[in-house]
């Protein structure tokens, strides 16, 4: 017997909503695409903004896209440094490499330099990293904070939702995560 890596959650209404999206796309947009913005995208964005008390919620096609969008919005300068955890998914690192920023995996305080711009802490398995102390370091040194909260959906730290504490927060709804939504990911700020 093979043990599955993960089992996606189904509500029972999934096919009904997919069919509704197909019909709506054909009628209003003249296509069969499910991946474009539509009423469900807007409903989920509104729900997440309210639920997580975020200033803004935007759905992306992947957690990688959300991390890259956050990196783009922060306008990294070539040669500046970014601090990330040593135990993270490759998308976090790749978003930084695309900006040609340097990556340092050592202790945050020991590695801060005048060139450091951003800290990318990661939460795992709905358990927060030591975000309170990282926020203090970021504020003390005027650094931006991008939370990789891919596995932190609906989890809180000191009554704040993970992914809404830093300047940007990125969730993932891939079928291997704690909340599954057909592959959509989200970025908050």
N, C-alpha and C. Protein backbone atom coordinates (compact mmCIF):
# COMPACT_ATOMS: atom_id res chain seq x y z
N UNK A 1 0.83 -1.18 0.00
CA UNK A 1 0.00 0.00 0.00
C UNK A 1 0.88 1.25 0.00
N UNK A 2 0.58 2.16 -0.87
CA UNK A 2 1.34 3.40 -0.96
C UNK A 2 0.66 4.48 -0.12
N UNK A 3 1.46 5.20 0.66
CA UNK A 3 0.94 6.29 1.48
C UNK A 3 1.10 7.57 0.67
N UNK A 4 -0.02 8.28 0.43
CA UNK A 4 0.06 9.51 -0.37
C UNK A 4 0.80 10.62 0.38
N UNK A 5 1.51 11.45 -0.37
CA UNK A 5 2.22 12.59 0.21
C UNK A 5 1.23 13.58 0.80
N UNK A 6 0.13 13.79 0.12
CA UNK A 6 -0.91 14.70 0.60
C UNK A 6 -2.25 14.32 -0.01
N UNK A 7 -3.30 14.78 0.60
CA UNK A 7 -4.64 14.59 0.07
C UNK A 7 -5.34 15.94 0.04
N UNK A 8 -5.67 16.43 -1.15
CA UNK A 8 -6.37 17.72 -1.22
C UNK A 8 -7.74 17.63 -0.59
N UNK A 9 -8.16 18.71 -0.01
CA UNK A 9 -9.46 18.80 0.63
C UNK A 9 -10.50 19.24 -0.40
N UNK A 10 -11.63 18.58 -0.43
CA UNK A 10 -12.73 18.95 -1.31
C UNK A 10 -13.96 19.25 -0.47
N UNK A 11 -14.68 20.30 -0.85
CA UNK A 11 -15.85 20.72 -0.07
C UNK A 11 -17.14 20.04 -0.49
N UNK A 12 -17.15 19.49 -1.70
CA UNK A 12 -18.37 18.91 -2.24
C UNK A 12 -19.01 19.82 -3.27
N UNK A 13 -18.69 21.09 -3.24
CA UNK A 13 -19.22 22.05 -4.21
C UNK A 13 -18.20 22.42 -5.28
N UNK A 14 -17.04 21.79 -5.24
CA UNK A 14 -15.93 22.17 -6.11
C UNK A 14 -16.31 22.13 -7.59
N UNK A 15 -16.89 21.04 -8.05
CA UNK A 15 -17.24 20.92 -9.47
C UNK A 15 -18.32 21.92 -9.86
N UNK A 16 -19.24 22.20 -8.95
CA UNK A 16 -20.28 23.19 -9.22
C UNK A 16 -19.64 24.57 -9.47
N UNK A 17 -18.67 24.94 -8.64
CA UNK A 17 -18.01 26.24 -8.78
C UNK A 17 -17.14 26.30 -10.03
N UNK A 18 -16.49 25.22 -10.35
CA UNK A 18 -15.68 25.17 -11.59
C UNK A 18 -16.59 25.30 -12.80
N UNK A 19 -17.71 24.58 -12.79
CA UNK A 19 -18.66 24.69 -13.91
C UNK A 19 -19.20 26.12 -14.02
N UNK A 20 -19.52 26.72 -12.89
CA UNK A 20 -20.01 28.10 -12.88
C UNK A 20 -18.95 29.04 -13.47
N UNK A 21 -17.69 28.82 -13.14
CA UNK A 21 -16.61 29.67 -13.66
C UNK A 21 -16.48 29.48 -15.18
N UNK A 22 -16.59 28.25 -15.66
CA UNK A 22 -16.53 28.00 -17.11
C UNK A 22 -17.67 28.72 -17.83
N UNK A 23 -18.87 28.59 -17.31
CA UNK A 23 -20.04 29.22 -17.93
C UNK A 23 -19.89 30.73 -17.92
N UNK A 24 -19.47 31.28 -16.79
CA UNK A 24 -19.27 32.72 -16.67
C UNK A 24 -18.19 33.20 -17.64
N UNK A 25 -17.11 32.46 -17.75
CA UNK A 25 -16.01 32.85 -18.66
C UNK A 25 -16.49 32.85 -20.10
N UNK A 26 -17.24 31.84 -20.49
CA UNK A 26 -17.75 31.76 -21.87
C UNK A 26 -18.70 32.92 -22.15
N UNK A 27 -19.61 33.17 -21.24
CA UNK A 27 -20.65 34.18 -21.43
C UNK A 27 -20.07 35.60 -21.43
N UNK A 28 -19.23 35.89 -20.45
CA UNK A 28 -18.76 37.26 -20.25
C UNK A 28 -17.42 37.57 -20.91
N UNK A 29 -16.59 36.55 -21.09
CA UNK A 29 -15.26 36.80 -21.60
C UNK A 29 -14.98 36.10 -22.92
N UNK A 30 -15.89 35.22 -23.33
CA UNK A 30 -15.73 34.52 -24.59
C UNK A 30 -14.57 33.52 -24.60
N UNK A 31 -14.20 32.99 -23.44
CA UNK A 31 -13.11 32.01 -23.39
C UNK A 31 -13.42 30.92 -22.38
N UNK A 32 -12.53 29.95 -22.30
CA UNK A 32 -12.72 28.84 -21.35
C UNK A 32 -11.68 28.85 -20.24
N UNK A 33 -11.01 29.98 -20.01
CA UNK A 33 -9.95 30.03 -19.02
C UNK A 33 -10.51 30.08 -17.60
N UNK A 34 -9.96 29.26 -16.76
CA UNK A 34 -10.32 29.29 -15.35
C UNK A 34 -9.37 30.18 -14.56
N UNK A 35 -8.19 30.42 -15.10
CA UNK A 35 -7.14 31.06 -14.31
C UNK A 35 -7.15 32.57 -14.34
N UNK A 36 -8.10 33.16 -15.01
CA UNK A 36 -8.17 34.62 -15.04
C UNK A 36 -9.05 35.12 -13.92
N UNK A 37 -8.89 36.42 -13.62
CA UNK A 37 -9.70 37.01 -12.57
C UNK A 37 -11.18 36.84 -12.88
N UNK A 38 -11.94 36.58 -11.87
CA UNK A 38 -13.39 36.43 -12.00
C UNK A 38 -14.01 36.63 -10.64
N UNK A 39 -15.29 36.33 -10.55
CA UNK A 39 -16.01 36.62 -9.31
C UNK A 39 -15.43 35.85 -8.12
N UNK A 40 -14.93 34.64 -8.33
CA UNK A 40 -14.38 33.88 -7.21
C UNK A 40 -13.05 34.46 -6.76
N UNK A 41 -12.26 34.94 -7.69
CA UNK A 41 -11.01 35.60 -7.33
C UNK A 41 -11.30 36.80 -6.45
N UNK A 42 -12.24 37.62 -6.86
CA UNK A 42 -12.57 38.82 -6.09
C UNK A 42 -13.19 38.47 -4.74
N UNK A 43 -14.00 37.42 -4.71
CA UNK A 43 -14.60 37.00 -3.43
C UNK A 43 -13.53 36.54 -2.45
N UNK A 44 -12.57 35.76 -2.95
CA UNK A 44 -11.52 35.25 -2.07
C UNK A 44 -10.62 36.40 -1.60
N UNK A 45 -10.27 37.31 -2.51
CA UNK A 45 -9.45 38.46 -2.12
C UNK A 45 -10.14 39.27 -1.04
N UNK A 46 -11.43 39.53 -1.21
CA UNK A 46 -12.20 40.29 -0.22
C UNK A 46 -12.25 39.54 1.10
N UNK A 47 -12.53 38.23 1.04
CA UNK A 47 -12.59 37.41 2.25
C UNK A 47 -11.26 37.45 3.00
N UNK A 48 -10.16 37.26 2.26
CA UNK A 48 -8.85 37.21 2.91
C UNK A 48 -8.46 38.56 3.50
N UNK A 49 -8.78 39.62 2.80
CA UNK A 49 -8.48 40.96 3.31
C UNK A 49 -9.19 41.19 4.64
N UNK A 50 -10.48 40.83 4.70
CA UNK A 50 -11.25 41.00 5.93
C UNK A 50 -10.83 40.01 7.00
N UNK A 51 -10.70 38.75 6.63
CA UNK A 51 -10.38 37.69 7.60
C UNK A 51 -9.03 37.92 8.27
N UNK A 52 -8.03 38.30 7.46
CA UNK A 52 -6.68 38.46 7.99
C UNK A 52 -6.35 39.91 8.34
N UNK A 53 -7.34 40.79 8.23
CA UNK A 53 -7.18 42.20 8.58
C UNK A 53 -5.96 42.80 7.88
N UNK A 54 -5.83 42.49 6.59
CA UNK A 54 -4.72 42.98 5.77
C UNK A 54 -5.13 44.26 5.06
N UNK A 55 -4.16 45.09 4.75
CA UNK A 55 -4.45 46.32 4.00
C UNK A 55 -4.90 45.98 2.59
N UNK A 56 -4.33 44.93 2.03
CA UNK A 56 -4.66 44.52 0.66
C UNK A 56 -4.37 43.04 0.51
N UNK A 57 -5.14 42.36 -0.32
CA UNK A 57 -4.90 40.95 -0.64
C UNK A 57 -4.99 40.79 -2.15
N UNK A 58 -3.99 40.19 -2.73
CA UNK A 58 -3.96 39.96 -4.17
C UNK A 58 -3.62 38.51 -4.44
N UNK A 59 -4.45 37.83 -5.21
CA UNK A 59 -4.17 36.45 -5.55
C UNK A 59 -3.19 36.38 -6.71
N UNK A 60 -2.22 35.49 -6.59
CA UNK A 60 -1.21 35.24 -7.62
C UNK A 60 -1.38 33.81 -8.12
N UNK A 61 -0.63 33.46 -9.13
CA UNK A 61 -0.71 32.09 -9.65
C UNK A 61 0.16 31.12 -8.88
N UNK A 62 1.06 31.63 -8.04
CA UNK A 62 1.93 30.74 -7.26
C UNK A 62 2.53 31.50 -6.08
N UNK A 63 2.99 30.74 -5.10
CA UNK A 63 3.72 31.35 -3.99
C UNK A 63 4.98 32.01 -4.50
N UNK A 64 5.60 31.40 -5.50
CA UNK A 64 6.79 31.98 -6.13
C UNK A 64 6.45 33.36 -6.70
N UNK A 65 5.33 33.45 -7.41
CA UNK A 65 4.92 34.74 -7.98
C UNK A 65 4.69 35.78 -6.89
N UNK A 66 4.09 35.38 -5.78
CA UNK A 66 3.85 36.31 -4.69
C UNK A 66 5.17 36.82 -4.11
N UNK A 67 6.14 35.92 -3.92
CA UNK A 67 7.44 36.33 -3.40
C UNK A 67 8.16 37.25 -4.37
N UNK A 68 8.07 36.94 -5.67
CA UNK A 68 8.72 37.78 -6.67
C UNK A 68 8.05 39.15 -6.77
N UNK A 69 6.73 39.20 -6.63
CA UNK A 69 6.04 40.49 -6.65
C UNK A 69 6.47 41.34 -5.45
N UNK A 70 6.56 40.73 -4.28
CA UNK A 70 7.01 41.46 -3.10
C UNK A 70 8.43 41.98 -3.32
N UNK A 71 9.28 41.15 -3.87
CA UNK A 71 10.66 41.58 -4.16
C UNK A 71 10.68 42.74 -5.14
N UNK A 72 9.87 42.67 -6.18
CA UNK A 72 9.81 43.76 -7.17
C UNK A 72 9.30 45.05 -6.54
N UNK A 73 8.32 44.95 -5.69
CA UNK A 73 7.75 46.14 -5.05
C UNK A 73 8.75 46.80 -4.11
N UNK A 74 9.70 46.03 -3.62
CA UNK A 74 10.69 46.58 -2.69
C UNK A 74 11.87 47.23 -3.40
N UNK A 75 11.97 47.08 -4.71
CA UNK A 75 13.00 47.76 -5.50
C UNK A 75 14.40 47.53 -4.95
N UNK A 76 14.80 46.26 -4.91
CA UNK A 76 16.15 45.92 -4.45
C UNK A 76 17.20 46.61 -5.30
N UNK A 77 18.31 46.92 -4.68
CA UNK A 77 19.44 47.48 -5.41
C UNK A 77 20.50 46.40 -5.54
N UNK A 78 21.08 46.26 -6.71
CA UNK A 78 22.10 45.24 -6.95
C UNK A 78 23.24 45.39 -5.95
N UNK A 79 23.65 44.28 -5.36
CA UNK A 79 24.74 44.29 -4.40
C UNK A 79 24.29 44.42 -2.96
N UNK A 80 23.03 44.79 -2.74
CA UNK A 80 22.54 44.88 -1.37
C UNK A 80 22.20 43.50 -0.85
N UNK A 81 22.03 43.39 0.43
CA UNK A 81 21.88 42.09 1.07
C UNK A 81 20.47 41.84 1.55
N UNK A 82 20.14 40.56 1.62
CA UNK A 82 18.85 40.09 2.10
C UNK A 82 19.13 38.96 3.06
N UNK A 83 18.38 38.90 4.14
CA UNK A 83 18.57 37.84 5.12
C UNK A 83 17.36 36.91 5.06
N UNK A 84 17.60 35.62 4.93
CA UNK A 84 16.55 34.62 4.87
C UNK A 84 16.91 33.46 5.78
N UNK A 85 15.94 32.62 6.15
CA UNK A 85 16.26 31.46 6.98
C UNK A 85 17.01 30.40 6.16
N UNK A 86 17.77 29.58 6.83
CA UNK A 86 18.50 28.53 6.13
C UNK A 86 17.57 27.40 5.71
N UNK A 87 16.44 27.25 6.39
CA UNK A 87 15.47 26.20 6.07
C UNK A 87 14.26 26.84 5.41
N UNK A 88 14.30 26.98 4.10
CA UNK A 88 13.22 27.61 3.36
C UNK A 88 13.08 26.93 2.00
N UNK A 89 12.02 27.25 1.30
CA UNK A 89 11.79 26.69 -0.03
C UNK A 89 12.60 27.49 -1.05
N UNK A 90 12.96 26.87 -2.13
CA UNK A 90 13.81 27.51 -3.13
C UNK A 90 13.19 28.78 -3.73
N UNK A 91 11.88 28.89 -3.74
CA UNK A 91 11.23 30.09 -4.30
C UNK A 91 11.64 31.36 -3.57
N UNK A 92 11.83 31.27 -2.26
CA UNK A 92 12.26 32.44 -1.50
C UNK A 92 13.63 32.90 -1.98
N UNK A 93 14.53 31.97 -2.10
CA UNK A 93 15.89 32.28 -2.53
C UNK A 93 15.90 32.76 -3.98
N UNK A 94 15.16 32.09 -4.85
CA UNK A 94 15.16 32.46 -6.26
C UNK A 94 14.62 33.87 -6.49
N UNK A 95 13.61 34.28 -5.73
CA UNK A 95 13.08 35.64 -5.87
C UNK A 95 14.17 36.66 -5.58
N UNK A 96 15.02 36.34 -4.63
CA UNK A 96 16.11 37.25 -4.26
C UNK A 96 17.22 37.20 -5.31
N UNK A 97 17.55 36.00 -5.77
CA UNK A 97 18.59 35.87 -6.79
C UNK A 97 18.24 36.63 -8.06
N UNK A 98 16.96 36.64 -8.41
CA UNK A 98 16.54 37.38 -9.60
C UNK A 98 16.83 38.87 -9.47
N UNK A 99 16.88 39.36 -8.26
CA UNK A 99 17.18 40.78 -8.03
C UNK A 99 18.69 40.99 -7.90
N UNK A 100 19.45 39.93 -8.01
CA UNK A 100 20.90 39.97 -7.85
C UNK A 100 21.31 40.51 -6.50
N UNK A 101 20.50 40.24 -5.49
CA UNK A 101 20.86 40.62 -4.13
C UNK A 101 21.64 39.48 -3.50
N UNK A 102 22.47 39.80 -2.55
CA UNK A 102 23.25 38.77 -1.87
C UNK A 102 22.41 38.11 -0.80
N UNK A 103 22.64 36.84 -0.56
CA UNK A 103 21.87 36.08 0.42
C UNK A 103 22.81 35.61 1.52
N UNK A 104 22.41 35.82 2.74
CA UNK A 104 23.21 35.39 3.86
C UNK A 104 22.35 34.53 4.76
N UNK A 105 22.83 33.34 5.09
CA UNK A 105 22.04 32.39 5.85
C UNK A 105 22.45 32.31 7.32
N UNK A 106 23.31 33.16 7.79
CA UNK A 106 23.77 33.15 9.17
C UNK A 106 22.82 33.95 10.07
N UNK A 107 23.18 34.06 11.30
CA UNK A 107 22.35 34.78 12.28
C UNK A 107 22.12 36.22 11.82
N UNK A 108 20.91 36.70 11.98
CA UNK A 108 20.52 38.01 11.45
C UNK A 108 21.37 39.13 12.04
N UNK A 109 21.40 39.28 13.33
CA UNK A 109 22.13 40.41 13.93
C UNK A 109 23.61 40.41 13.58
N UNK A 110 24.21 39.25 13.51
CA UNK A 110 25.64 39.15 13.22
C UNK A 110 25.97 39.55 11.79
N UNK A 111 25.01 39.42 10.91
CA UNK A 111 25.29 39.65 9.49
C UNK A 111 24.75 40.95 8.93
N UNK A 112 24.09 41.75 9.73
CA UNK A 112 23.57 43.02 9.23
C UNK A 112 24.72 43.94 8.83
N UNK A 113 24.55 44.59 7.69
CA UNK A 113 25.52 45.58 7.22
C UNK A 113 24.73 46.79 6.73
N UNK A 114 25.37 47.87 6.41
CA UNK A 114 24.66 49.02 5.84
C UNK A 114 23.96 48.70 4.52
N UNK A 115 24.32 47.61 3.85
CA UNK A 115 23.70 47.25 2.58
C UNK A 115 22.47 46.37 2.74
N UNK A 116 22.21 45.87 3.94
CA UNK A 116 21.07 44.99 4.16
C UNK A 116 19.77 45.78 4.00
N UNK A 117 18.83 45.24 3.21
CA UNK A 117 17.56 45.92 2.92
C UNK A 117 16.35 45.17 3.45
N UNK A 118 16.38 43.84 3.39
CA UNK A 118 15.17 43.06 3.63
C UNK A 118 15.49 41.80 4.42
N UNK A 119 14.54 41.40 5.25
CA UNK A 119 14.59 40.11 5.93
C UNK A 119 13.38 39.30 5.46
N UNK A 120 13.61 38.05 5.08
CA UNK A 120 12.57 37.13 4.63
C UNK A 120 12.40 36.01 5.65
N UNK A 121 11.70 36.22 6.75
CA UNK A 121 11.50 35.11 7.69
C UNK A 121 10.48 34.12 7.14
N UNK A 122 10.59 32.88 7.55
CA UNK A 122 9.65 31.86 7.09
C UNK A 122 8.94 31.20 8.26
N UNK A 123 7.64 30.98 8.09
CA UNK A 123 6.84 30.24 9.07
C UNK A 123 6.63 28.84 8.48
N UNK A 124 6.58 27.84 9.33
CA UNK A 124 6.44 26.47 8.81
C UNK A 124 5.41 25.70 9.62
N UNK A 125 4.58 24.97 8.91
CA UNK A 125 3.59 24.08 9.52
C UNK A 125 2.69 24.83 10.51
N UNK A 126 2.22 26.00 10.11
CA UNK A 126 1.39 26.92 10.89
C UNK A 126 2.01 27.31 12.23
N UNK A 127 3.32 27.21 12.32
CA UNK A 127 4.06 27.63 13.51
C UNK A 127 4.91 28.83 13.12
N UNK A 128 4.78 29.90 13.87
CA UNK A 128 5.52 31.13 13.58
C UNK A 128 7.00 30.98 13.90
N UNK A 129 7.83 31.63 13.10
CA UNK A 129 9.22 31.81 13.48
C UNK A 129 9.22 32.84 14.60
N UNK A 130 10.36 33.23 15.10
CA UNK A 130 10.42 34.24 16.17
C UNK A 130 10.19 35.62 15.56
N UNK A 131 8.98 35.80 15.04
CA UNK A 131 8.66 37.00 14.26
C UNK A 131 8.75 38.28 15.09
N UNK A 132 8.42 38.21 16.36
CA UNK A 132 8.46 39.41 17.20
C UNK A 132 9.87 39.99 17.26
N UNK A 133 10.84 39.13 17.47
CA UNK A 133 12.23 39.58 17.54
C UNK A 133 12.73 40.03 16.16
N UNK A 134 12.29 39.37 15.11
CA UNK A 134 12.69 39.76 13.75
C UNK A 134 12.10 41.12 13.40
N UNK A 135 10.85 41.37 13.80
CA UNK A 135 10.24 42.68 13.57
C UNK A 135 11.04 43.76 14.29
N UNK A 136 11.46 43.49 15.53
CA UNK A 136 12.26 44.45 16.28
C UNK A 136 13.57 44.77 15.56
N UNK A 137 14.22 43.73 15.06
CA UNK A 137 15.48 43.93 14.33
C UNK A 137 15.22 44.76 13.07
N UNK A 138 14.16 44.41 12.34
CA UNK A 138 13.84 45.14 11.10
C UNK A 138 13.55 46.60 11.40
N UNK A 139 12.77 46.87 12.43
CA UNK A 139 12.45 48.26 12.78
C UNK A 139 13.69 49.02 13.26
N UNK A 140 14.49 48.35 14.06
CA UNK A 140 15.70 48.97 14.60
C UNK A 140 16.67 49.40 13.48
N UNK A 141 16.70 48.63 12.41
CA UNK A 141 17.64 48.89 11.31
C UNK A 141 16.96 49.40 10.05
N UNK A 142 15.69 49.78 10.16
CA UNK A 142 14.92 50.31 9.03
C UNK A 142 14.95 49.36 7.83
N UNK A 143 14.66 48.08 8.09
CA UNK A 143 14.64 47.05 7.05
C UNK A 143 13.22 46.67 6.71
N UNK A 144 12.99 46.21 5.51
CA UNK A 144 11.69 45.68 5.10
C UNK A 144 11.60 44.23 5.54
N UNK A 145 10.36 43.77 5.70
CA UNK A 145 10.12 42.41 6.18
C UNK A 145 9.11 41.74 5.26
N UNK A 146 9.51 40.64 4.62
CA UNK A 146 8.63 39.86 3.74
C UNK A 146 8.45 38.49 4.37
N UNK A 147 7.24 38.21 4.84
CA UNK A 147 6.97 36.92 5.48
C UNK A 147 6.66 35.85 4.45
N UNK A 148 7.39 34.76 4.49
CA UNK A 148 7.06 33.59 3.71
C UNK A 148 6.13 32.76 4.60
N UNK A 149 4.82 32.99 4.43
CA UNK A 149 3.81 32.34 5.26
C UNK A 149 3.07 31.28 4.45
N UNK A 150 3.79 30.64 3.51
CA UNK A 150 3.18 29.65 2.63
C UNK A 150 2.44 28.57 3.42
N UNK A 151 2.95 28.24 4.58
CA UNK A 151 2.30 27.22 5.40
C UNK A 151 1.77 27.81 6.71
N UNK A 152 1.40 29.09 6.65
CA UNK A 152 0.92 29.75 7.85
C UNK A 152 -0.49 30.30 7.73
N UNK A 153 -1.25 29.81 6.75
CA UNK A 153 -2.61 30.32 6.55
C UNK A 153 -3.45 30.08 7.80
N UNK A 154 -4.09 31.14 8.28
CA UNK A 154 -5.01 31.11 9.40
C UNK A 154 -4.34 30.92 10.76
N UNK A 155 -3.01 30.94 10.81
CA UNK A 155 -2.30 30.82 12.08
C UNK A 155 -1.98 32.22 12.60
N UNK A 156 -1.93 32.34 13.91
CA UNK A 156 -1.68 33.64 14.53
C UNK A 156 -0.44 33.61 15.42
N UNK A 157 0.13 34.79 15.56
CA UNK A 157 1.19 35.03 16.54
C UNK A 157 0.78 36.31 17.28
N UNK A 158 0.65 36.23 18.60
CA UNK A 158 0.19 37.38 19.40
C UNK A 158 -1.05 38.04 18.81
N UNK A 159 -2.01 37.22 18.44
CA UNK A 159 -3.31 37.67 17.93
C UNK A 159 -3.24 38.37 16.56
N UNK A 160 -2.14 38.21 15.84
CA UNK A 160 -2.02 38.72 14.47
C UNK A 160 -1.80 37.54 13.54
N UNK A 161 -2.44 37.58 12.39
CA UNK A 161 -2.29 36.49 11.43
C UNK A 161 -0.91 36.49 10.82
N UNK A 162 -0.30 35.30 10.74
CA UNK A 162 0.97 35.19 10.04
C UNK A 162 0.76 35.63 8.59
N UNK A 163 1.70 36.36 8.06
CA UNK A 163 1.58 36.89 6.71
C UNK A 163 1.06 38.32 6.70
N UNK A 164 0.63 38.84 7.85
CA UNK A 164 0.15 40.23 7.92
C UNK A 164 0.99 41.07 8.88
N UNK A 165 2.07 40.54 9.35
CA UNK A 165 2.89 41.22 10.36
C UNK A 165 3.95 42.10 9.71
N UNK A 166 4.56 41.61 8.65
CA UNK A 166 5.63 42.35 7.97
C UNK A 166 5.08 43.31 6.92
N UNK A 167 5.97 43.81 6.08
CA UNK A 167 5.57 44.72 4.99
C UNK A 167 4.80 43.96 3.91
N UNK A 168 5.17 42.72 3.68
CA UNK A 168 4.49 41.83 2.75
C UNK A 168 4.39 40.46 3.39
N UNK A 169 3.33 39.73 3.05
CA UNK A 169 3.19 38.35 3.49
C UNK A 169 2.73 37.52 2.32
N UNK A 170 3.29 36.34 2.16
CA UNK A 170 2.98 35.49 1.01
C UNK A 170 2.49 34.13 1.49
N UNK A 171 1.25 33.78 1.08
CA UNK A 171 0.67 32.47 1.39
C UNK A 171 0.76 31.59 0.15
N UNK A 172 0.55 30.30 0.36
CA UNK A 172 0.44 29.37 -0.76
C UNK A 172 -0.75 28.46 -0.49
N UNK A 173 -1.50 28.19 -1.54
CA UNK A 173 -2.63 27.28 -1.44
C UNK A 173 -2.42 26.04 -2.29
N UNK A 174 -1.17 25.67 -2.50
CA UNK A 174 -0.82 24.46 -3.22
C UNK A 174 -1.39 23.27 -2.46
N UNK A 175 -1.64 22.20 -3.14
CA UNK A 175 -2.30 21.06 -2.49
C UNK A 175 -1.48 20.44 -1.37
N UNK A 176 -0.21 20.79 -1.23
CA UNK A 176 0.60 20.27 -0.13
C UNK A 176 0.58 21.18 1.10
N UNK A 177 -0.14 22.29 1.03
CA UNK A 177 -0.16 23.24 2.14
C UNK A 177 -1.34 22.96 3.07
N UNK A 178 -1.42 23.71 4.16
CA UNK A 178 -2.46 23.47 5.15
C UNK A 178 -3.83 23.98 4.71
N UNK A 179 -3.90 24.82 3.70
CA UNK A 179 -5.16 25.29 3.14
C UNK A 179 -5.05 25.20 1.62
N UNK A 180 -5.93 24.44 0.99
CA UNK A 180 -5.83 24.16 -0.43
C UNK A 180 -6.94 24.87 -1.19
N UNK A 181 -6.58 25.54 -2.27
CA UNK A 181 -7.56 26.26 -3.08
C UNK A 181 -7.25 26.14 -4.56
N UNK A 182 -6.97 24.97 -5.03
CA UNK A 182 -6.78 24.76 -6.46
C UNK A 182 -5.55 25.44 -7.04
N UNK A 183 -4.56 25.70 -6.24
CA UNK A 183 -3.31 26.22 -6.75
C UNK A 183 -3.12 27.71 -6.61
N UNK A 184 -4.12 28.48 -6.15
CA UNK A 184 -3.95 29.92 -6.01
C UNK A 184 -3.05 30.24 -4.84
N UNK A 185 -2.30 31.32 -4.95
CA UNK A 185 -1.46 31.82 -3.87
C UNK A 185 -1.83 33.28 -3.65
N UNK A 186 -1.36 33.83 -2.57
CA UNK A 186 -1.72 35.22 -2.30
C UNK A 186 -0.54 35.98 -1.74
N UNK A 187 -0.57 37.29 -1.96
CA UNK A 187 0.43 38.19 -1.41
C UNK A 187 -0.29 39.32 -0.69
N UNK A 188 0.18 39.63 0.49
CA UNK A 188 -0.42 40.71 1.28
C UNK A 188 0.57 41.81 1.48
N UNK A 189 0.06 42.99 1.72
CA UNK A 189 0.89 44.08 2.25
C UNK A 189 0.02 44.96 3.10
